[in-house]
Amino acid sequence: MTARPPFRTGDSILHKPTGETWVCAWADPETGYLSWLGWPPDGQALIADCELVAAASDKTHREWLSELKRSGRRDVGRALRLYGDPDAISEDA
């Protein structure tokens, strides 16, 4: 069984080594890495170096995931694998 991602798209997370707060693009417990939304795109950091600042609501998660899907980032497939296709997620989920 695959571990549940510790963060999800849209969560605000603190990267402890830099003190920066990021919006999470995806967090993959199998690799131990996550990525953020923003610049530079497609960057990665260790999940262990981050902590949750504010969890995204289900609606916000879907909105960010939809935006990520439209972005054309090369790692969008990883986010969709971890969280599912936002177009297939029900509003009631």
Protein backbone atom coordinates (compact mmCIF):
# COMPACT_ATOMS: atom_id res chain seq x y z
CA MET A 1 0.00 0.00 0.00
CA THR A 2 1.27 3.45 -0.94
CA ALA A 3 1.67 5.97 1.86
CA ARG A 4 -0.66 8.96 1.83
CA PRO A 5 1.08 12.19 0.75
CA PRO A 6 1.88 14.34 3.79
CA PHE A 7 0.95 17.51 1.90
CA ARG A 8 -1.26 18.11 -1.10
CA THR A 9 -1.52 20.62 -3.90
CA GLY A 10 -2.45 24.03 -2.50
CA ASP A 11 -1.18 23.49 1.05
CA SER A 12 1.03 26.25 2.45
CA ILE A 13 4.27 24.74 3.70
CA LEU A 14 7.32 26.13 5.46
CA HIS A 15 10.72 25.11 4.09
CA LYS A 16 12.66 25.17 7.34
CA PRO A 17 16.20 25.51 5.88
CA THR A 18 15.33 28.73 4.01
CA GLY A 19 12.44 30.02 6.12
CA GLU A 20 10.39 30.41 2.93
CA THR A 21 6.69 29.60 2.77
CA TRP A 22 5.62 27.83 -0.41
CA VAL A 23 2.43 26.54 -1.98
CA CYS A 24 2.83 22.81 -2.46
CA ALA A 25 2.56 21.40 -5.99
CA TRP A 26 2.90 17.76 -4.87
CA ALA A 27 4.53 15.69 -2.12
CA ASP A 28 5.58 12.13 -2.93
CA PRO A 29 6.11 9.93 0.15
CA GLU A 30 7.71 7.21 -1.99
CA THR A 31 10.62 9.46 -2.98
CA GLY A 32 10.63 11.74 0.07
CA TYR A 33 10.49 14.84 -2.13
CA LEU A 34 8.00 17.58 -2.83
CA SER A 35 7.73 20.46 -5.27
CA TRP A 36 6.26 23.92 -4.99
CA LEU A 37 4.22 26.17 -7.24
CA GLY A 38 6.00 29.28 -8.45
CA TRP A 39 9.56 30.06 -9.39
CA PRO A 40 11.69 28.23 -10.21
CA PRO A 41 9.28 25.68 -11.63
CA ASP A 42 9.93 21.97 -11.16
CA GLY A 43 12.23 22.48 -8.16
CA GLN A 44 12.27 19.89 -5.40
CA ALA A 45 12.97 19.77 -1.67
CA LEU A 46 12.96 17.08 0.99
CA ILE A 47 9.59 16.53 2.62
CA ALA A 48 11.43 16.13 5.94
CA ASP A 49 12.63 19.75 5.65
CA CYS A 50 9.07 21.09 5.47
CA GLU A 51 6.10 21.52 7.78
CA LEU A 52 2.48 22.41 7.19
CA VAL A 53 1.56 26.06 7.73
CA ALA A 54 -2.03 25.90 6.45
CA ALA A 55 -3.91 23.05 4.81
CA ALA A 56 -5.81 23.90 1.64
CA SER A 57 -9.55 23.38 1.67
CA ASP A 58 -10.85 20.71 -0.70
CA LYS A 59 -12.05 23.46 -3.06
CA THR A 60 -8.70 25.26 -3.00
CA HIS A 61 -6.87 21.97 -3.54
CA ARG A 62 -8.97 21.24 -6.65
CA GLU A 63 -8.45 24.79 -7.98
CA TRP A 64 -4.65 24.64 -7.58
CA LEU A 65 -4.55 21.12 -9.01
CA SER A 66 -6.57 22.28 -12.05
CA GLU A 67 -4.21 25.22 -12.53
CA LEU A 68 -1.22 22.91 -12.24
CA LYS A 69 -2.77 20.55 -14.81
CA ARG A 70 -3.16 23.44 -17.28
CA SER A 71 0.36 24.77 -16.63
CA GLY A 72 2.21 22.27 -18.80
CA ARG A 73 4.83 21.67 -16.12
CA ARG A 74 6.77 18.52 -16.80
CA ASP A 75 5.92 17.09 -13.36
CA VAL A 76 2.14 17.50 -13.60
CA GLY A 77 1.76 13.74 -14.09
CA ARG A 78 3.20 13.14 -10.65
CA ALA A 79 0.61 15.43 -9.03
CA LEU A 80 -2.21 13.74 -10.94
CA ARG A 81 -0.91 10.29 -9.92
CA LEU A 82 -0.79 11.34 -6.26
CA TYR A 83 -4.08 13.23 -6.01
CA GLY A 84 -6.17 12.25 -9.03
CA ASP A 85 -7.48 14.28 -11.93
CA PRO A 86 -9.20 17.45 -10.62
CA ASP A 87 -11.75 17.19 -13.43
CA ALA A 88 -12.82 13.78 -12.07
CA ILE A 89 -13.00 14.81 -8.40
CA SER A 90 -16.53 15.48 -7.23
CA GLU A 91 -17.35 18.74 -5.44
CA ASP A 92 -18.66 16.62 -2.57
CA ALA A 93 -15.41 14.64 -2.17
